[in-house]
Amino acid sequence: MTIEALAEKHHLKVTRDECNDKVIQGSRGQLYVDGGKLCALWLEAHVNALKLAPLGGRQWVGDYELVPHGKANRRLRDAKVVGILPDQVTRAIRLTGCRVKRQVSEEERARLVARLAGNQTRKRGL
């Protein structure tokens, strides 16, 4: 499995991280492929180890770190799952917070193009 194939199948965006590796970035974590296996990584996030169990594969969950947040402290920790099961990919996408790209149908695309063309003629004063 490649990261591009996964991104195309699930309509996700592939970006590069600070090490110039291809990843699918989410709001809470990221997905990447290592040795043909799909992996997920969360850094300093609210991670429940019980929610990671159904993903399968080898799991690692770090210790809690107390981070000041307002009047209380947040309990954040790192986690990693290597070798996510193929039937659990959508769960991994949801847990990492990856956003699915919007898919526009042909009808919607035609309507948007017509609307844009109408706005362009009004701006020109035609």
C-alpha atoms as a PDB file:
ATOM      1  CA  MET A   1       0.000   0.000   0.000  1.00  0.00           C
ATOM      2  CA  THR A   2       1.252   3.472  -0.829  1.00  0.00           C
ATOM      3  CA  ILE A   3       0.204   6.713   0.781  1.00  0.00           C
ATOM      4  CA  GLU A   4      -0.964   8.095  -2.579  1.00  0.00           C
ATOM      5  CA  ALA A   5      -3.250   5.097  -3.194  1.00  0.00           C
ATOM      6  CA  LEU A   6      -4.763   5.467   0.270  1.00  0.00           C
ATOM      7  CA  ALA A   7      -5.266   9.203  -0.194  1.00  0.00           C
ATOM      8  CA  GLU A   8      -6.904   8.753  -3.588  1.00  0.00           C
ATOM      9  CA  LYS A   9      -9.231   6.005  -2.343  1.00  0.00           C
ATOM     10  CA  HIS A  10     -10.432   8.003   0.672  1.00  0.00           C
ATOM     11  CA  HIS A  11     -10.206  11.500  -0.914  1.00  0.00           C
ATOM     12  CA  LEU A  12      -7.474  12.772   1.411  1.00  0.00           C
ATOM     13  CA  LYS A  13      -4.635  15.240   0.887  1.00  0.00           C
ATOM     14  CA  VAL A  14      -1.002  14.109   0.982  1.00  0.00           C
ATOM     15  CA  THR A  15       1.491  16.598   2.429  1.00  0.00           C
ATOM     16  CA  ARG A  16       5.105  16.486   3.534  1.00  0.00           C
ATOM     17  CA  ASP A  17       6.249  16.667   7.144  1.00  0.00           C
ATOM     18  CA  GLU A  18       9.390  18.337   8.531  1.00  0.00           C
ATOM     19  CA  CYS A  19      11.506  15.331   7.450  1.00  0.00           C
ATOM     20  CA  ASN A  20      10.126  15.601   3.892  1.00  0.00           C
ATOM     21  CA  ASP A  21       8.207  12.310   4.269  1.00  0.00           C
ATOM     22  CA  LYS A  22       4.770  11.961   2.699  1.00  0.00           C
ATOM     23  CA  VAL A  23       1.995  11.963   5.315  1.00  0.00           C
ATOM     24  CA  ILE A  24      -1.734  12.563   5.563  1.00  0.00           C
ATOM     25  CA  GLN A  25      -2.005  15.283   8.192  1.00  0.00           C
ATOM     26  CA  GLY A  26      -4.990  15.454  10.513  1.00  0.00           C
ATOM     27  CA  SER A  27      -5.978  17.863  13.248  1.00  0.00           C
ATOM     28  CA  ARG A  28      -5.068  15.394  16.022  1.00  0.00           C
ATOM     29  CA  GLY A  29      -2.501  13.121  14.363  1.00  0.00           C
ATOM     30  CA  GLN A  30      -1.127  11.885  11.082  1.00  0.00           C
ATOM     31  CA  LEU A  31      -1.190   8.795   8.894  1.00  0.00           C
ATOM     32  CA  TYR A  32       1.830   7.469   7.043  1.00  0.00           C
ATOM     33  CA  VAL A  33       3.043   4.277   5.391  1.00  0.00           C
ATOM     34  CA  ASP A  34       6.155   2.521   6.683  1.00  0.00           C
ATOM     35  CA  GLY A  35       7.329  -0.625   4.929  1.00  0.00           C
ATOM     36  CA  GLY A  36       3.978  -1.100   3.204  1.00  0.00           C
ATOM     37  CA  LYS A  37       2.078  -0.894   6.519  1.00  0.00           C
ATOM     38  CA  LEU A  38      -0.313   1.908   7.377  1.00  0.00           C
ATOM     39  CA  CYS A  39       0.690   3.680  10.597  1.00  0.00           C
ATOM     40  CA  ALA A  40      -0.833   6.433  12.738  1.00  0.00           C
ATOM     41  CA  LEU A  41       0.952   8.859  15.042  1.00  0.00           C
ATOM     42  CA  TRP A  42      -0.390  11.245  17.673  1.00  0.00           C
ATOM     43  CA  LEU A  43       1.935  13.761  19.357  1.00  0.00           C
ATOM     44  CA  GLU A  44       0.824  15.522  22.541  1.00  0.00           C
ATOM     45  CA  ALA A  45      -2.837  14.663  22.070  1.00  0.00           C
ATOM     46  CA  HIS A  46      -5.762  13.356  24.092  1.00  0.00           C
ATOM     47  CA  VAL A  47      -5.438   9.656  23.267  1.00  0.00           C
ATOM     48  CA  ASN A  48      -7.491   6.886  24.802  1.00  0.00           C
ATOM     49  CA  ALA A  49      -5.670   3.565  24.524  1.00  0.00           C
ATOM     50  CA  LEU A  50      -8.985   1.692  24.504  1.00  0.00           C
ATOM     51  CA  LYS A  51      -9.986   3.461  21.283  1.00  0.00           C
ATOM     52  CA  LEU A  52      -6.720   2.450  19.623  1.00  0.00           C
ATOM     53  CA  ALA A  53      -7.159  -1.265  20.378  1.00  0.00           C
ATOM     54  CA  PRO A  54      -9.571  -2.013  17.487  1.00  0.00           C
ATOM     55  CA  LEU A  55      -7.083  -0.573  14.974  1.00  0.00           C
ATOM     56  CA  GLY A  56      -4.956  -3.701  15.366  1.00  0.00           C
ATOM     57  CA  GLY A  57      -1.248  -3.836  14.762  1.00  0.00           C
ATOM     58  CA  ARG A  58       1.481  -2.990  17.249  1.00  0.00           C
ATOM     59  CA  GLN A  59       0.605  -0.131  19.584  1.00  0.00           C
ATOM     60  CA  TRP A  60       2.675   2.166  21.723  1.00  0.00           C
ATOM     61  CA  VAL A  61       1.207   4.693  24.152  1.00  0.00           C
ATOM     62  CA  GLY A  62       3.447   7.072  26.080  1.00  0.00           C
ATOM     63  CA  ASP A  63       3.116   8.454  29.579  1.00  0.00           C
ATOM     64  CA  TYR A  64       0.885  11.389  30.409  1.00  0.00           C
ATOM     65  CA  GLU A  65       2.359  14.858  30.439  1.00  0.00           C
ATOM     66  CA  LEU A  66       0.610  17.603  32.370  1.00  0.00           C
ATOM     67  CA  VAL A  67       0.407  20.770  30.294  1.00  0.00           C
ATOM     68  CA  PRO A  68      -0.942  23.999  31.832  1.00  0.00           C
ATOM     69  CA  HIS A  69      -4.226  25.038  30.255  1.00  0.00           C
ATOM     70  CA  GLY A  70      -6.185  27.840  31.874  1.00  0.00           C
ATOM     71  CA  LYS A  71      -6.957  27.048  35.513  1.00  0.00           C
ATOM     72  CA  ALA A  72      -6.364  23.320  35.118  1.00  0.00           C
ATOM     73  CA  ASN A  73      -3.818  21.042  33.488  1.00  0.00           C
ATOM     74  CA  ARG A  74      -4.329  18.968  30.364  1.00  0.00           C
ATOM     75  CA  ARG A  75      -3.154  15.367  30.287  1.00  0.00           C
ATOM     76  CA  LEU A  76      -1.510  14.860  26.915  1.00  0.00           C
ATOM     77  CA  ARG A  77       0.537  11.946  25.622  1.00  0.00           C
ATOM     78  CA  ASP A  78       2.043  10.482  22.481  1.00  0.00           C
ATOM     79  CA  ALA A  79       0.789   7.323  20.783  1.00  0.00           C
ATOM     80  CA  LYS A  80       1.630   5.255  17.737  1.00  0.00           C
ATOM     81  CA  VAL A  81       0.006   2.344  15.912  1.00  0.00           C
ATOM     82  CA  VAL A  82       1.981   0.354  13.317  1.00  0.00           C
ATOM     83  CA  GLY A  83       0.176  -1.984  10.935  1.00  0.00           C
ATOM     84  CA  ILE A  84      -3.436  -0.786  10.999  1.00  0.00           C
ATOM     85  CA  LEU A  85      -5.867  -3.441   9.785  1.00  0.00           C
ATOM     86  CA  PRO A  86      -7.378  -2.783   6.316  1.00  0.00           C
ATOM     87  CA  ASP A  87     -10.944  -2.805   7.637  1.00  0.00           C
ATOM     88  CA  GLN A  88     -10.049  -0.189  10.290  1.00  0.00           C
ATOM     89  CA  VAL A  89      -8.668   2.496   7.950  1.00  0.00           C
ATOM     90  CA  THR A  90     -11.761   4.694   8.215  1.00  0.00           C
ATOM     91  CA  ARG A  91     -11.558   4.534  12.021  1.00  0.00           C
ATOM     92  CA  ALA A  92      -7.903   5.598  11.859  1.00  0.00           C
ATOM     93  CA  ILE A  93      -8.825   8.492   9.565  1.00  0.00           C
ATOM     94  CA  ARG A  94     -11.475   9.616  12.038  1.00  0.00           C
ATOM     95  CA  LEU A  95      -9.216   9.254  15.107  1.00  0.00           C
ATOM     96  CA  THR A  96      -6.405  11.293  13.526  1.00  0.00           C
ATOM     97  CA  GLY A  97      -8.844  13.998  12.435  1.00  0.00           C
ATOM     98  CA  CYS A  98      -8.023  13.866   8.726  1.00  0.00           C
ATOM     99  CA  ARG A  99     -10.440  15.873   6.637  1.00  0.00           C
ATOM    100  CA  VAL A 100     -11.919  14.371   3.513  1.00  0.00           C
ATOM    101  CA  LYS A 101     -11.665  16.562   0.419  1.00  0.00           C
ATOM    102  CA  ARG A 102     -14.985  17.730  -0.935  1.00  0.00           C
ATOM    103  CA  GLN A 103     -16.169  15.840  -4.014  1.00  0.00           C
ATOM    104  CA  VAL A 104     -18.200  17.950  -6.434  1.00  0.00           C
ATOM    105  CA  SER A 105     -20.600  16.148  -8.752  1.00  0.00           C
ATOM    106  CA  GLU A 106     -20.774  17.048 -12.460  1.00  0.00           C
ATOM    107  CA  GLU A 107     -24.165  18.733 -11.976  1.00  0.00           C
ATOM    108  CA  GLU A 108     -22.860  20.815  -9.080  1.00  0.00           C
ATOM    109  CA  ARG A 109     -19.717  21.702 -11.046  1.00  0.00           C
ATOM    110  CA  ALA A 110     -21.810  22.898 -14.037  1.00  0.00           C
ATOM    111  CA  ARG A 111     -24.020  24.973 -11.736  1.00  0.00           C
ATOM    112  CA  LEU A 112     -20.993  26.564 -10.050  1.00  0.00           C
ATOM    113  CA  VAL A 113     -19.347  27.373 -13.402  1.00  0.00           C
ATOM    114  CA  ALA A 114     -22.553  28.984 -14.653  1.00  0.00           C
ATOM    115  CA  ARG A 115     -22.848  30.999 -11.455  1.00  0.00           C
ATOM    116  CA  LEU A 116     -19.233  32.136 -11.720  1.00  0.00           C
ATOM    117  CA  ALA A 117     -19.731  33.140 -15.363  1.00  0.00           C
ATOM    118  CA  GLY A 118     -22.787  35.179 -14.337  1.00  0.00           C
ATOM    119  CA  ASN A 119     -20.779  36.992 -11.658  1.00  0.00           C
ATOM    120  CA  GLN A 120     -17.992  37.794 -14.127  1.00  0.00           C
ATOM    121  CA  THR A 121     -20.417  39.457 -16.592  1.00  0.00           C
ATOM    122  CA  ARG A 122     -21.947  41.577 -13.826  1.00  0.00           C
ATOM    123  CA  LYS A 123     -18.533  42.804 -12.695  1.00  0.00           C
ATOM    124  CA  ARG A 124     -17.674  43.936 -16.233  1.00  0.00           C
ATOM    125  CA  GLY A 125     -20.954  45.805 -16.537  1.00  0.00           C
ATOM    126  CA  LEU A 126     -22.252  43.750 -19.456  1.00  0.00           C
END
